[in-house]
N, C-alpha and C. Protein backbone atom coordinates (compact mmCIF):
# COMPACT_ATOMS: atom_id res chain seq x y z
N UNK A 1 -0.84 102.09 6.16
CA UNK A 1 -2.23 101.71 6.54
C UNK A 1 -2.26 101.26 8.08
N UNK A 2 -3.14 101.97 8.75
CA UNK A 2 -3.27 101.69 10.19
C UNK A 2 -3.82 100.26 10.46
N UNK A 3 -3.34 99.67 11.56
CA UNK A 3 -3.96 98.35 11.95
C UNK A 3 -5.23 98.53 12.56
N UNK A 4 -5.80 97.43 12.91
CA UNK A 4 -7.11 97.39 13.59
C UNK A 4 -7.11 96.47 14.70
N UNK A 5 -7.77 96.78 15.80
CA UNK A 5 -7.90 96.06 17.02
C UNK A 5 -9.41 95.63 17.19
N UNK A 6 -9.72 94.36 17.03
CA UNK A 6 -11.08 93.99 17.17
C UNK A 6 -11.32 93.58 18.54
N UNK A 7 -12.36 93.98 19.16
CA UNK A 7 -12.85 93.62 20.50
C UNK A 7 -14.27 93.51 20.74
N UNK A 8 -14.71 92.74 21.71
CA UNK A 8 -16.16 92.63 22.02
C UNK A 8 -16.34 92.83 23.54
N UNK A 9 -17.68 93.01 23.80
CA UNK A 9 -18.05 93.11 25.27
C UNK A 9 -18.09 91.77 25.79
N UNK A 10 -17.57 91.53 27.01
CA UNK A 10 -17.67 90.26 27.71
C UNK A 10 -19.07 89.84 27.96
N UNK A 11 -19.35 88.56 27.90
CA UNK A 11 -20.64 88.08 28.09
C UNK A 11 -21.07 88.02 29.54
N UNK A 12 -20.09 87.93 30.40
CA UNK A 12 -20.39 87.86 31.78
C UNK A 12 -20.09 89.16 32.59
N UNK A 13 -20.05 90.27 31.81
CA UNK A 13 -19.80 91.52 32.50
C UNK A 13 -21.10 91.96 33.10
N UNK A 14 -20.99 92.66 34.33
CA UNK A 14 -22.25 93.16 34.91
C UNK A 14 -22.01 94.69 35.13
N UNK A 15 -23.06 95.35 34.72
CA UNK A 15 -23.08 96.89 34.82
C UNK A 15 -22.87 97.30 36.25
N UNK A 16 -22.07 98.24 36.40
CA UNK A 16 -21.84 98.76 37.76
C UNK A 16 -20.71 98.07 38.57
N UNK A 17 -20.35 96.91 38.21
CA UNK A 17 -19.08 96.24 38.89
C UNK A 17 -17.89 96.85 38.26
N UNK A 18 -16.88 96.86 39.10
CA UNK A 18 -15.60 97.54 38.81
C UNK A 18 -14.69 96.41 38.28
N UNK A 19 -14.98 95.80 37.19
CA UNK A 19 -14.16 94.88 36.48
C UNK A 19 -14.12 95.13 34.98
N UNK A 20 -13.04 94.81 34.26
CA UNK A 20 -12.88 95.01 32.95
C UNK A 20 -14.09 94.37 32.15
N UNK A 21 -14.60 95.31 31.10
CA UNK A 21 -15.79 94.80 30.36
C UNK A 21 -15.47 94.21 29.03
N UNK A 22 -14.21 94.31 28.41
CA UNK A 22 -13.96 94.01 27.00
C UNK A 22 -12.93 92.92 26.93
N UNK A 23 -12.95 92.17 25.86
CA UNK A 23 -11.91 91.14 25.50
C UNK A 23 -11.51 91.43 24.03
N UNK A 24 -10.13 91.39 23.90
CA UNK A 24 -9.63 91.62 22.46
C UNK A 24 -9.68 90.25 21.83
N UNK A 25 -10.27 90.40 20.57
CA UNK A 25 -10.46 89.14 19.72
C UNK A 25 -9.50 88.93 18.77
N UNK A 26 -9.08 90.00 18.06
CA UNK A 26 -8.15 89.88 16.91
C UNK A 26 -7.40 91.18 16.77
N UNK A 27 -6.25 91.11 16.21
CA UNK A 27 -5.42 92.20 15.84
C UNK A 27 -4.96 92.05 14.33
N UNK A 28 -5.18 93.09 13.55
CA UNK A 28 -4.77 93.05 12.14
C UNK A 28 -3.73 94.12 11.81
N UNK A 29 -2.64 93.75 11.18
CA UNK A 29 -1.59 94.70 10.70
C UNK A 29 -0.98 95.63 11.77
N UNK A 30 -0.84 94.95 13.03
CA UNK A 30 -0.24 95.65 14.05
C UNK A 30 0.66 94.55 14.86
N UNK A 31 1.93 94.94 15.10
CA UNK A 31 2.74 94.00 15.88
C UNK A 31 2.53 94.30 17.28
N UNK A 32 1.61 93.46 17.99
CA UNK A 32 1.22 93.66 19.30
C UNK A 32 0.93 92.35 19.92
N UNK A 33 1.41 92.32 21.15
CA UNK A 33 1.14 91.09 22.03
C UNK A 33 0.29 91.51 23.21
N UNK A 34 -0.88 90.86 23.59
CA UNK A 34 -1.76 91.14 24.62
C UNK A 34 -1.53 90.06 25.74
N UNK A 35 -1.27 90.45 26.93
CA UNK A 35 -1.01 89.59 27.99
C UNK A 35 -2.22 89.55 29.05
N UNK A 36 -3.15 90.58 28.98
CA UNK A 36 -4.19 90.43 29.81
C UNK A 36 -5.41 89.78 29.11
N UNK A 37 -6.24 89.17 29.92
CA UNK A 37 -7.39 88.53 29.25
C UNK A 37 -8.57 89.40 29.08
N UNK A 38 -8.75 90.33 30.00
CA UNK A 38 -9.89 91.29 29.95
C UNK A 38 -9.30 92.69 30.13
N UNK A 39 -9.87 93.67 29.39
CA UNK A 39 -9.34 95.02 29.42
C UNK A 39 -10.47 95.99 29.58
N UNK A 40 -10.09 97.21 30.03
CA UNK A 40 -11.19 98.23 30.19
C UNK A 40 -11.03 99.16 28.85
N UNK A 41 -12.07 99.88 28.59
CA UNK A 41 -12.22 100.70 27.44
C UNK A 41 -11.12 101.69 27.54
N UNK A 42 -10.73 102.38 28.47
CA UNK A 42 -9.67 103.34 28.50
C UNK A 42 -8.41 102.73 28.21
N UNK A 43 -8.09 101.45 28.70
CA UNK A 43 -6.86 100.72 28.23
C UNK A 43 -6.88 100.38 26.89
N UNK A 44 -8.05 100.00 26.26
CA UNK A 44 -8.13 99.67 24.80
C UNK A 44 -7.67 101.05 24.07
N UNK A 45 -8.31 102.12 24.42
CA UNK A 45 -8.03 103.40 23.63
C UNK A 45 -6.61 103.77 23.70
N UNK A 46 -5.98 103.52 24.96
CA UNK A 46 -4.62 103.96 25.21
C UNK A 46 -3.55 103.11 24.32
N UNK A 47 -4.01 101.75 24.26
CA UNK A 47 -3.12 100.85 23.49
C UNK A 47 -3.38 101.24 21.89
N UNK A 48 -4.50 101.52 21.49
CA UNK A 48 -4.78 101.88 19.99
C UNK A 48 -4.03 103.04 19.66
N UNK A 49 -4.08 104.09 20.57
CA UNK A 49 -3.38 105.35 20.29
C UNK A 49 -1.90 105.17 20.21
N UNK A 50 -1.35 104.35 21.09
CA UNK A 50 0.15 104.14 21.14
C UNK A 50 0.63 103.40 19.88
N UNK A 51 -0.10 102.52 19.46
CA UNK A 51 0.31 101.69 18.30
C UNK A 51 -0.24 102.25 16.88
N UNK A 52 -1.07 103.31 17.01
CA UNK A 52 -1.86 103.90 15.87
C UNK A 52 -2.76 102.91 15.11
N UNK A 53 -3.55 102.20 16.03
CA UNK A 53 -4.60 101.28 15.42
C UNK A 53 -5.90 101.83 15.65
N UNK A 54 -6.87 101.32 14.83
CA UNK A 54 -8.33 101.65 14.95
C UNK A 54 -8.98 100.66 15.81
N UNK A 55 -9.97 100.95 16.67
CA UNK A 55 -10.61 100.05 17.52
C UNK A 55 -11.79 99.73 16.74
N UNK A 56 -12.26 98.38 16.67
CA UNK A 56 -13.49 97.87 15.97
C UNK A 56 -14.30 97.02 16.94
N UNK A 57 -15.42 97.53 17.32
CA UNK A 57 -16.30 96.78 18.24
C UNK A 57 -16.99 95.86 17.46
N UNK A 58 -17.05 94.50 17.82
CA UNK A 58 -17.65 93.49 17.15
C UNK A 58 -19.16 93.27 17.70
N UNK A 59 -20.20 93.24 16.77
CA UNK A 59 -21.55 93.04 17.18
C UNK A 59 -21.66 91.75 17.98
N UNK A 60 -22.63 91.67 18.85
CA UNK A 60 -23.04 90.40 19.55
C UNK A 60 -23.56 89.35 18.59
N UNK A 61 -23.28 88.11 18.85
CA UNK A 61 -23.81 87.14 18.00
C UNK A 61 -25.42 86.89 18.22
N UNK A 62 -25.99 86.26 17.23
CA UNK A 62 -27.58 86.07 17.34
C UNK A 62 -27.76 84.54 17.89
N UNK A 63 -26.74 83.87 18.03
CA UNK A 63 -26.93 82.50 18.57
C UNK A 63 -26.31 82.28 19.97
N UNK A 64 -26.88 81.38 20.65
CA UNK A 64 -26.38 81.09 21.98
C UNK A 64 -25.84 79.53 21.99
N UNK A 65 -24.71 79.37 22.41
CA UNK A 65 -24.13 78.08 22.30
C UNK A 65 -24.41 77.31 23.55
N UNK A 66 -24.97 76.08 23.47
CA UNK A 66 -25.28 75.26 24.61
C UNK A 66 -24.65 73.91 24.40
N UNK A 67 -23.65 73.42 25.01
CA UNK A 67 -23.01 72.25 24.83
C UNK A 67 -22.41 72.26 23.40
N UNK A 68 -22.56 71.23 22.67
CA UNK A 68 -22.16 71.05 21.31
C UNK A 68 -23.11 71.47 20.32
N UNK A 69 -24.27 72.03 20.67
CA UNK A 69 -25.40 72.39 19.70
C UNK A 69 -25.43 73.91 19.74
N UNK A 70 -25.66 74.49 18.45
CA UNK A 70 -26.05 75.89 18.35
C UNK A 70 -27.59 76.02 18.54
N UNK A 71 -28.00 76.96 19.46
CA UNK A 71 -29.33 77.28 19.63
C UNK A 71 -29.68 78.63 19.24
N UNK A 72 -30.66 78.84 18.27
CA UNK A 72 -31.06 80.13 17.82
C UNK A 72 -31.90 80.76 18.89
N UNK A 73 -31.76 82.04 19.29
CA UNK A 73 -32.67 82.73 20.26
C UNK A 73 -33.86 83.31 19.53
N UNK A 74 -35.02 83.08 20.17
CA UNK A 74 -36.23 83.66 19.73
C UNK A 74 -36.22 85.18 19.87
N UNK A 75 -36.71 85.83 18.77
CA UNK A 75 -36.70 87.40 18.81
C UNK A 75 -38.08 87.80 18.91
């Protein structure tokens, strides 16, 4: 069984800026250590290919955290 690498888009990423846009959140069934805090999509794909893992993009949450309280966003 191939492992999975779960990642999400950074909340503070800005379109057009030349900075990594993704953050690895979890790894399942893969012996892997990540030393970078933020990675680019091409780096994610290269890592997944090298270890034989599937990439899973996590959906954005529907709540915004403010201090110690959860605040639901109006839709």
